[in-house]
N, C-alpha and C. Protein backbone atom coordinates (compact mmCIF):
# COMPACT_ATOMS: atom_id res chain seq x y z
N MET A 1 111.05 42.40 72.28
CA MET A 1 110.82 43.81 71.99
C MET A 1 111.54 44.27 70.74
N ILE A 2 112.63 43.58 70.36
CA ILE A 2 113.33 43.90 69.12
C ILE A 2 113.39 42.64 68.28
N ASP A 3 112.94 42.74 67.02
CA ASP A 3 113.02 41.64 66.07
C ASP A 3 114.14 42.00 65.09
N LEU A 4 115.21 41.22 65.09
CA LEU A 4 116.39 41.53 64.29
C LEU A 4 116.30 41.07 62.84
N GLY A 5 115.23 40.40 62.45
CA GLY A 5 115.12 39.90 61.08
C GLY A 5 116.25 38.93 60.79
N LYS A 6 116.55 38.74 59.51
CA LYS A 6 117.64 37.85 59.10
C LYS A 6 118.71 38.68 58.41
N GLN A 7 119.95 38.40 58.72
CA GLN A 7 121.12 39.00 58.09
C GLN A 7 121.23 40.51 58.35
N LEU A 8 120.89 40.94 59.56
CA LEU A 8 121.10 42.33 59.97
C LEU A 8 122.59 42.54 60.16
N THR A 9 123.12 43.63 59.60
CA THR A 9 124.51 44.00 59.86
C THR A 9 124.53 45.42 60.41
N THR A 10 125.46 45.64 61.33
CA THR A 10 125.58 46.96 61.94
C THR A 10 127.04 47.39 61.95
N GLY A 11 127.22 48.70 61.94
CA GLY A 11 128.56 49.26 62.07
C GLY A 11 128.90 49.47 63.53
N THR A 12 129.93 50.22 63.74
CA THR A 12 130.44 50.52 65.08
C THR A 12 129.60 51.59 65.77
N GLY A 13 129.44 51.52 67.06
CA GLY A 13 128.81 52.57 67.85
C GLY A 13 127.32 52.73 67.64
N CYS A 14 126.63 51.71 67.17
CA CYS A 14 125.18 51.82 66.99
C CYS A 14 124.48 51.76 68.35
N ARG A 15 123.38 52.51 68.46
CA ARG A 15 122.60 52.57 69.71
C ARG A 15 121.16 52.26 69.35
N ILE A 16 120.66 51.12 69.82
CA ILE A 16 119.30 50.68 69.50
C ILE A 16 118.54 50.54 70.82
N GLU A 17 117.54 51.42 71.00
CA GLU A 17 116.80 51.49 72.27
C GLU A 17 115.33 51.18 72.03
N ALA A 18 114.82 50.18 72.75
CA ALA A 18 113.40 49.85 72.72
C ALA A 18 112.93 49.87 74.17
N PHE A 19 112.17 50.89 74.51
CA PHE A 19 111.77 51.11 75.90
C PHE A 19 110.46 50.41 76.23
N LEU A 20 110.42 49.73 77.37
CA LEU A 20 109.20 49.10 77.84
C LEU A 20 108.28 50.18 78.37
N THR A 21 107.06 50.25 77.82
CA THR A 21 106.10 51.27 78.23
C THR A 21 104.80 50.66 78.70
N GLY A 22 104.82 49.41 79.09
CA GLY A 22 103.63 48.71 79.54
C GLY A 22 103.80 47.24 79.23
N ASN A 23 102.73 46.49 79.38
CA ASN A 23 102.79 45.04 79.14
C ASN A 23 102.14 44.66 77.83
N ASP A 24 102.29 45.50 76.80
CA ASP A 24 101.64 45.22 75.53
C ASP A 24 102.31 44.08 74.76
N GLY A 25 103.58 43.83 74.99
CA GLY A 25 104.28 42.70 74.40
C GLY A 25 104.58 42.80 72.92
N HIS A 26 104.27 43.91 72.25
CA HIS A 26 104.55 44.00 70.82
C HIS A 26 106.00 44.43 70.58
N LYS A 27 106.47 44.16 69.37
CA LYS A 27 107.83 44.53 69.01
C LYS A 27 107.93 46.04 68.90
N LYS A 28 108.86 46.62 69.59
CA LYS A 28 109.08 48.07 69.52
C LYS A 28 109.89 48.42 68.28
N ILE A 29 110.88 47.58 67.95
CA ILE A 29 111.68 47.78 66.74
C ILE A 29 111.67 46.47 65.97
N LYS A 30 111.29 46.56 64.70
CA LYS A 30 111.24 45.36 63.87
C LYS A 30 112.05 45.62 62.60
N PHE A 31 113.13 44.86 62.44
CA PHE A 31 113.96 44.92 61.25
C PHE A 31 113.47 43.87 60.26
N GLY A 32 113.45 44.23 58.98
CA GLY A 32 113.20 43.25 57.94
C GLY A 32 114.46 42.44 57.72
N ASN A 33 114.53 41.76 56.61
CA ASN A 33 115.69 40.93 56.27
C ASN A 33 116.70 41.74 55.45
N ARG A 34 117.96 41.39 55.66
CA ARG A 34 119.08 42.00 54.91
C ARG A 34 119.16 43.51 55.09
N VAL A 35 118.95 43.97 56.31
CA VAL A 35 119.07 45.39 56.64
C VAL A 35 120.53 45.67 57.01
N GLN A 36 121.07 46.77 56.48
CA GLN A 36 122.42 47.18 56.84
C GLN A 36 122.36 48.57 57.44
N ILE A 37 122.81 48.68 58.70
CA ILE A 37 122.93 49.99 59.34
C ILE A 37 124.41 50.22 59.63
N ASN A 38 124.88 51.40 59.29
CA ASN A 38 126.30 51.70 59.38
C ASN A 38 126.66 52.37 60.71
N ASP A 39 127.82 52.97 60.80
CA ASP A 39 128.36 53.47 62.06
C ASP A 39 127.50 54.56 62.70
N TYR A 40 127.40 54.50 64.01
CA TYR A 40 126.79 55.54 64.85
C TYR A 40 125.34 55.86 64.48
N VAL A 41 124.59 54.83 64.16
CA VAL A 41 123.16 54.97 63.94
C VAL A 41 122.47 54.83 65.29
N HIS A 42 121.47 55.69 65.55
CA HIS A 42 120.73 55.69 66.82
C HIS A 42 119.25 55.50 66.51
N LEU A 43 118.66 54.42 67.03
CA LEU A 43 117.22 54.17 66.92
C LEU A 43 116.63 54.22 68.33
N SER A 44 115.53 54.94 68.49
CA SER A 44 114.89 55.08 69.79
C SER A 44 113.39 54.86 69.62
N ALA A 45 112.85 53.82 70.31
CA ALA A 45 111.43 53.48 70.15
C ALA A 45 110.72 53.34 71.49
N LEU A 46 109.67 54.14 71.66
CA LEU A 46 108.72 53.96 72.76
C LEU A 46 107.45 53.29 72.24
N ASP A 47 107.11 53.54 70.98
CA ASP A 47 105.92 53.00 70.34
C ASP A 47 106.36 51.91 69.35
N SER A 48 106.77 52.31 68.14
CA SER A 48 107.27 51.31 67.20
C SER A 48 108.02 51.94 66.03
N ILE A 49 109.07 51.23 65.63
CA ILE A 49 109.82 51.53 64.41
C ILE A 49 109.86 50.24 63.61
N GLU A 50 109.38 50.28 62.37
CA GLU A 50 109.42 49.12 61.48
C GLU A 50 110.27 49.46 60.27
N ILE A 51 111.24 48.61 59.99
CA ILE A 51 112.16 48.80 58.87
C ILE A 51 112.01 47.59 57.96
N GLY A 52 111.74 47.83 56.67
CA GLY A 52 111.49 46.76 55.71
C GLY A 52 112.74 45.99 55.31
N ASP A 53 112.59 45.17 54.30
CA ASP A 53 113.67 44.34 53.77
C ASP A 53 114.62 45.16 52.89
N ASP A 54 115.89 44.75 52.87
CA ASP A 54 116.90 45.30 51.95
C ASP A 54 117.08 46.81 52.11
N VAL A 55 117.04 47.28 53.34
CA VAL A 55 117.20 48.71 53.64
C VAL A 55 118.67 48.99 53.96
N LEU A 56 119.17 50.11 53.44
CA LEU A 56 120.53 50.57 53.71
C LEU A 56 120.44 51.89 54.45
N ILE A 57 121.05 51.96 55.63
CA ILE A 57 121.05 53.17 56.45
C ILE A 57 122.51 53.59 56.64
N ALA A 58 122.85 54.78 56.14
CA ALA A 58 124.22 55.29 56.23
C ALA A 58 124.57 55.64 57.69
N SER A 59 125.75 56.16 57.90
CA SER A 59 126.24 56.50 59.24
C SER A 59 125.61 57.77 59.79
N HIS A 60 125.64 57.89 61.11
CA HIS A 60 125.20 59.09 61.84
C HIS A 60 123.74 59.43 61.58
N VAL A 61 122.90 58.41 61.46
CA VAL A 61 121.47 58.57 61.24
C VAL A 61 120.75 58.41 62.57
N TYR A 62 119.72 59.24 62.80
CA TYR A 62 118.88 59.16 64.00
C TYR A 62 117.44 58.90 63.58
N ILE A 63 116.85 57.83 64.10
CA ILE A 63 115.46 57.48 63.81
C ILE A 63 114.75 57.32 65.15
N SER A 64 113.68 58.10 65.36
CA SER A 64 112.98 58.05 66.63
C SER A 64 111.48 58.17 66.44
N ASP A 65 110.74 57.45 67.27
CA ASP A 65 109.28 57.56 67.27
C ASP A 65 108.79 58.42 68.43
N ASN A 66 109.72 59.15 69.08
CA ASN A 66 109.32 59.90 70.27
C ASN A 66 110.09 61.22 70.41
N THR A 67 109.46 62.15 71.13
CA THR A 67 110.10 63.42 71.46
C THR A 67 109.76 63.78 72.91
N HIS A 68 110.55 64.66 73.48
CA HIS A 68 110.27 65.19 74.81
C HIS A 68 109.27 66.33 74.66
N GLY A 69 108.00 66.07 74.86
CA GLY A 69 106.98 67.10 74.79
C GLY A 69 106.25 67.13 73.47
N SER A 70 105.19 67.95 73.43
CA SER A 70 104.37 68.12 72.24
C SER A 70 104.42 69.58 71.82
N TYR A 71 104.57 69.81 70.51
CA TYR A 71 104.75 71.16 69.99
C TYR A 71 103.91 71.39 68.73
N SER A 72 102.73 70.78 68.68
CA SER A 72 101.92 70.80 67.47
C SER A 72 100.97 71.99 67.37
N GLY A 73 100.92 72.83 68.38
CA GLY A 73 100.04 73.99 68.32
C GLY A 73 98.63 73.70 68.79
N ASP A 74 98.47 72.69 69.62
CA ASP A 74 97.13 72.39 70.15
C ASP A 74 97.11 72.49 71.67
N THR A 75 96.04 72.02 72.29
CA THR A 75 95.88 72.16 73.75
C THR A 75 96.83 71.27 74.54
N TYR A 76 97.54 70.36 73.87
CA TYR A 76 98.46 69.46 74.57
C TYR A 76 99.91 69.94 74.49
N ASP A 77 100.13 71.14 73.99
CA ASP A 77 101.50 71.65 73.87
C ASP A 77 102.21 71.73 75.22
N THR A 78 103.50 71.49 75.17
CA THR A 78 104.33 71.55 76.37
C THR A 78 104.92 72.95 76.49
N PRO A 79 104.71 73.61 77.64
CA PRO A 79 105.25 74.97 77.79
C PRO A 79 106.77 74.95 77.96
N PRO A 80 107.45 76.03 77.56
CA PRO A 80 108.90 76.09 77.67
C PRO A 80 109.41 76.17 79.10
N ASP A 81 108.51 76.42 80.07
CA ASP A 81 108.92 76.49 81.48
C ASP A 81 109.25 75.11 82.05
N VAL A 82 108.80 74.05 81.39
CA VAL A 82 109.04 72.69 81.87
C VAL A 82 110.40 72.23 81.35
N PRO A 83 111.31 71.78 82.23
CA PRO A 83 112.61 71.28 81.76
C PRO A 83 112.41 70.11 80.77
N PRO A 84 113.23 70.03 79.73
CA PRO A 84 113.06 68.98 78.72
C PRO A 84 112.97 67.57 79.31
N THR A 85 113.76 67.26 80.33
CA THR A 85 113.74 65.91 80.90
C THR A 85 112.46 65.61 81.68
N GLU A 86 111.67 66.62 81.99
CA GLU A 86 110.42 66.42 82.72
C GLU A 86 109.19 66.50 81.81
N ARG A 87 109.38 66.77 80.55
CA ARG A 87 108.26 66.86 79.61
C ARG A 87 107.74 65.47 79.29
N PRO A 88 106.42 65.31 79.18
CA PRO A 88 105.89 63.99 78.82
C PRO A 88 106.26 63.65 77.38
N TYR A 89 106.53 62.37 77.16
CA TYR A 89 106.88 61.93 75.80
C TYR A 89 105.67 62.00 74.88
N ALA A 90 105.91 62.40 73.66
CA ALA A 90 104.92 62.30 72.59
C ALA A 90 105.46 61.27 71.61
N THR A 91 104.61 60.35 71.14
CA THR A 91 105.07 59.28 70.26
C THR A 91 104.18 59.16 69.02
N ALA A 92 104.77 58.65 67.95
CA ALA A 92 104.05 58.29 66.73
C ALA A 92 104.91 57.29 65.97
N PRO A 93 104.32 56.21 65.47
CA PRO A 93 105.10 55.14 64.82
C PRO A 93 105.88 55.63 63.61
N VAL A 94 107.01 54.95 63.34
CA VAL A 94 107.83 55.21 62.16
C VAL A 94 107.80 53.94 61.31
N ARG A 95 107.57 54.12 60.00
CA ARG A 95 107.53 53.00 59.05
C ARG A 95 108.47 53.30 57.90
N ILE A 96 109.39 52.37 57.64
CA ILE A 96 110.33 52.51 56.53
C ILE A 96 110.14 51.28 55.65
N GLY A 97 109.78 51.50 54.38
CA GLY A 97 109.46 50.41 53.47
C GLY A 97 110.68 49.62 53.02
N ASP A 98 110.46 48.70 52.11
CA ASP A 98 111.51 47.86 51.54
C ASP A 98 112.40 48.67 50.58
N ARG A 99 113.66 48.26 50.48
CA ARG A 99 114.61 48.81 49.49
C ARG A 99 114.81 50.32 49.63
N VAL A 100 114.75 50.82 50.83
CA VAL A 100 114.96 52.25 51.09
C VAL A 100 116.44 52.48 51.37
N TRP A 101 116.96 53.60 50.89
CA TRP A 101 118.33 54.01 51.18
C TRP A 101 118.23 55.34 51.91
N ILE A 102 118.73 55.36 53.14
CA ILE A 102 118.74 56.58 53.96
C ILE A 102 120.17 57.08 54.03
N GLY A 103 120.40 58.30 53.54
CA GLY A 103 121.74 58.85 53.43
C GLY A 103 122.36 59.29 54.74
N GLU A 104 123.61 59.67 54.66
CA GLU A 104 124.44 60.10 55.80
C GLU A 104 123.78 61.24 56.58
N GLY A 105 123.74 61.10 57.92
CA GLY A 105 123.31 62.19 58.79
C GLY A 105 121.83 62.52 58.77
N VAL A 106 121.00 61.64 58.25
CA VAL A 106 119.56 61.90 58.18
C VAL A 106 118.91 61.76 59.56
N ILE A 107 117.89 62.57 59.81
CA ILE A 107 117.06 62.47 61.01
C ILE A 107 115.65 62.11 60.56
N VAL A 108 115.11 61.02 61.11
CA VAL A 108 113.74 60.59 60.82
C VAL A 108 112.93 60.82 62.08
N MET A 109 111.93 61.71 61.97
CA MET A 109 111.13 62.15 63.10
C MET A 109 109.93 61.22 63.35
N PRO A 110 109.34 61.30 64.56
CA PRO A 110 108.16 60.50 64.87
C PRO A 110 107.04 60.74 63.86
N GLY A 111 106.29 59.67 63.57
CA GLY A 111 105.16 59.78 62.67
C GLY A 111 105.51 59.74 61.20
N THR A 112 106.74 59.36 60.87
CA THR A 112 107.20 59.35 59.48
C THR A 112 106.94 58.00 58.83
N THR A 113 106.54 58.04 57.57
CA THR A 113 106.45 56.85 56.72
C THR A 113 107.26 57.13 55.47
N ILE A 114 108.20 56.23 55.17
CA ILE A 114 109.01 56.33 53.95
C ILE A 114 108.64 55.14 53.08
N GLY A 115 108.10 55.42 51.90
CA GLY A 115 107.64 54.36 51.01
C GLY A 115 108.76 53.54 50.42
N SER A 116 108.43 52.32 50.03
CA SER A 116 109.40 51.39 49.45
C SER A 116 110.09 51.99 48.23
N GLY A 117 111.37 51.66 48.06
CA GLY A 117 112.14 52.09 46.91
C GLY A 117 112.62 53.52 46.96
N SER A 118 112.39 54.20 48.07
CA SER A 118 112.75 55.62 48.16
C SER A 118 114.18 55.83 48.63
N ILE A 119 114.69 57.02 48.35
CA ILE A 119 116.03 57.44 48.75
C ILE A 119 115.89 58.75 49.51
N ILE A 120 116.55 58.85 50.67
CA ILE A 120 116.55 60.08 51.45
C ILE A 120 117.95 60.67 51.39
N GLY A 121 118.05 61.91 50.87
CA GLY A 121 119.34 62.56 50.70
C GLY A 121 120.04 62.87 52.01
N ALA A 122 121.35 62.93 51.96
CA ALA A 122 122.18 63.17 53.14
C ALA A 122 121.75 64.42 53.89
N HIS A 123 121.79 64.34 55.20
CA HIS A 123 121.52 65.44 56.13
C HIS A 123 120.11 66.00 56.05
N SER A 124 119.18 65.21 55.54
CA SER A 124 117.77 65.62 55.49
C SER A 124 117.10 65.36 56.83
N VAL A 125 116.03 66.10 57.10
CA VAL A 125 115.17 65.86 58.25
C VAL A 125 113.81 65.45 57.70
N VAL A 126 113.38 64.23 58.04
CA VAL A 126 112.18 63.66 57.44
C VAL A 126 111.06 63.62 58.47
N LYS A 127 109.90 64.18 58.08
CA LYS A 127 108.69 64.18 58.92
C LYS A 127 107.51 64.05 58.00
N GLY A 128 106.61 63.13 58.28
CA GLY A 128 105.43 62.94 57.45
C GLY A 128 105.59 61.77 56.52
N VAL A 129 105.01 61.88 55.33
CA VAL A 129 104.99 60.76 54.38
C VAL A 129 105.84 61.08 53.16
N ILE A 130 106.77 60.18 52.85
CA ILE A 130 107.53 60.22 51.61
C ILE A 130 106.98 59.06 50.77
N PRO A 131 106.41 59.37 49.60
CA PRO A 131 105.81 58.30 48.78
C PRO A 131 106.85 57.29 48.30
N ALA A 132 106.37 56.13 47.91
CA ALA A 132 107.23 55.08 47.35
C ALA A 132 107.93 55.60 46.09
N ASP A 133 109.10 55.03 45.83
CA ASP A 133 109.85 55.30 44.59
C ASP A 133 110.14 56.79 44.39
N THR A 134 110.53 57.46 45.47
CA THR A 134 110.77 58.90 45.46
C THR A 134 112.14 59.19 46.04
N ILE A 135 112.82 60.19 45.49
CA ILE A 135 114.02 60.74 46.12
C ILE A 135 113.58 62.01 46.83
N ALA A 136 113.88 62.09 48.13
CA ALA A 136 113.53 63.27 48.92
C ALA A 136 114.79 63.79 49.58
N ALA A 137 114.87 65.13 49.73
CA ALA A 137 116.04 65.75 50.35
C ALA A 137 115.65 67.08 50.95
N GLY A 138 116.48 67.54 51.89
CA GLY A 138 116.31 68.86 52.47
C GLY A 138 115.81 68.82 53.90
N THR A 139 115.63 70.04 54.43
CA THR A 139 115.14 70.23 55.80
C THR A 139 114.02 71.26 55.75
N PRO A 140 112.78 70.84 55.80
CA PRO A 140 112.34 69.44 55.86
C PRO A 140 112.48 68.75 54.51
N ALA A 141 112.58 67.42 54.55
CA ALA A 141 112.74 66.65 53.31
C ALA A 141 111.50 66.79 52.45
N ARG A 142 111.73 67.05 51.16
CA ARG A 142 110.66 67.18 50.16
C ARG A 142 111.02 66.29 48.97
N PRO A 143 110.01 65.68 48.33
CA PRO A 143 110.29 64.90 47.13
C PRO A 143 110.90 65.77 46.03
N ILE A 144 111.99 65.29 45.42
CA ILE A 144 112.63 66.04 44.33
C ILE A 144 112.64 65.24 43.03
N LYS A 145 112.56 63.91 43.12
CA LYS A 145 112.51 63.06 41.92
C LYS A 145 111.59 61.87 42.20
N ARG A 146 111.04 61.35 41.11
CA ARG A 146 110.16 60.19 41.20
C ARG A 146 110.54 59.21 40.10
N TRP A 147 110.52 57.91 40.42
CA TRP A 147 110.83 56.90 39.43
C TRP A 147 109.62 56.72 38.51
N ASN A 148 109.85 56.84 37.20
CA ASN A 148 108.81 56.64 36.22
C ASN A 148 108.95 55.22 35.70
N ARG A 149 107.98 54.37 35.96
CA ARG A 149 108.05 52.96 35.58
C ARG A 149 107.93 52.77 34.07
N GLU A 150 107.30 53.69 33.37
CA GLU A 150 107.18 53.57 31.92
C GLU A 150 108.49 53.90 31.21
N SER A 151 109.11 55.02 31.58
CA SER A 151 110.38 55.42 30.95
C SER A 151 111.59 54.78 31.62
N GLU A 152 111.38 54.21 32.80
CA GLU A 152 112.46 53.62 33.60
C GLU A 152 113.57 54.62 33.87
N GLN A 153 113.14 55.83 34.33
CA GLN A 153 114.08 56.89 34.67
C GLN A 153 113.57 57.67 35.88
N TRP A 154 114.52 58.27 36.60
CA TRP A 154 114.17 59.20 37.67
C TRP A 154 113.82 60.53 37.00
N GLU A 155 112.65 61.07 37.34
CA GLU A 155 112.20 62.34 36.77
C GLU A 155 112.08 63.39 37.85
N ARG A 156 112.58 64.57 37.54
CA ARG A 156 112.50 65.70 38.47
C ARG A 156 111.05 66.07 38.73
N ILE A 157 110.74 66.36 39.98
CA ILE A 157 109.41 66.83 40.35
C ILE A 157 109.49 68.35 40.41
N ILE A 158 108.60 69.01 39.70
CA ILE A 158 108.63 70.48 39.65
C ILE A 158 107.88 71.05 40.83
């Protein structure tokens, strides 16, 4: 259920959870090679979390493919009268590309894709798609710079 890749390193107090949700037999969490996760990182997978090669994850980061309930504004929304522990889980896969750097205290929400070569600024909350070769920051995280391959510089996104 968990593929550790090669040369995974972890800090102190890491919590890696891959929950069995049937007999599908697929990897719930898949680490690429040379991944470094630092202190007090929490990964929680009911569906799947894939982390590419050469990824650096700072301390106090939370990455999850699931939430207690659905809050998307459709007919499947969970009412507030239901206690959080009794709400049905909602899941969506998380994909983190190669050579990504995730800063201190970042939260990566279900359904997120972070493109290869990207950087996520400290204390950001990431939901949705962050393109490759992009620096994103904030709550919610938004692209603020993009690597220009012609000039070989990070350029501010207006």
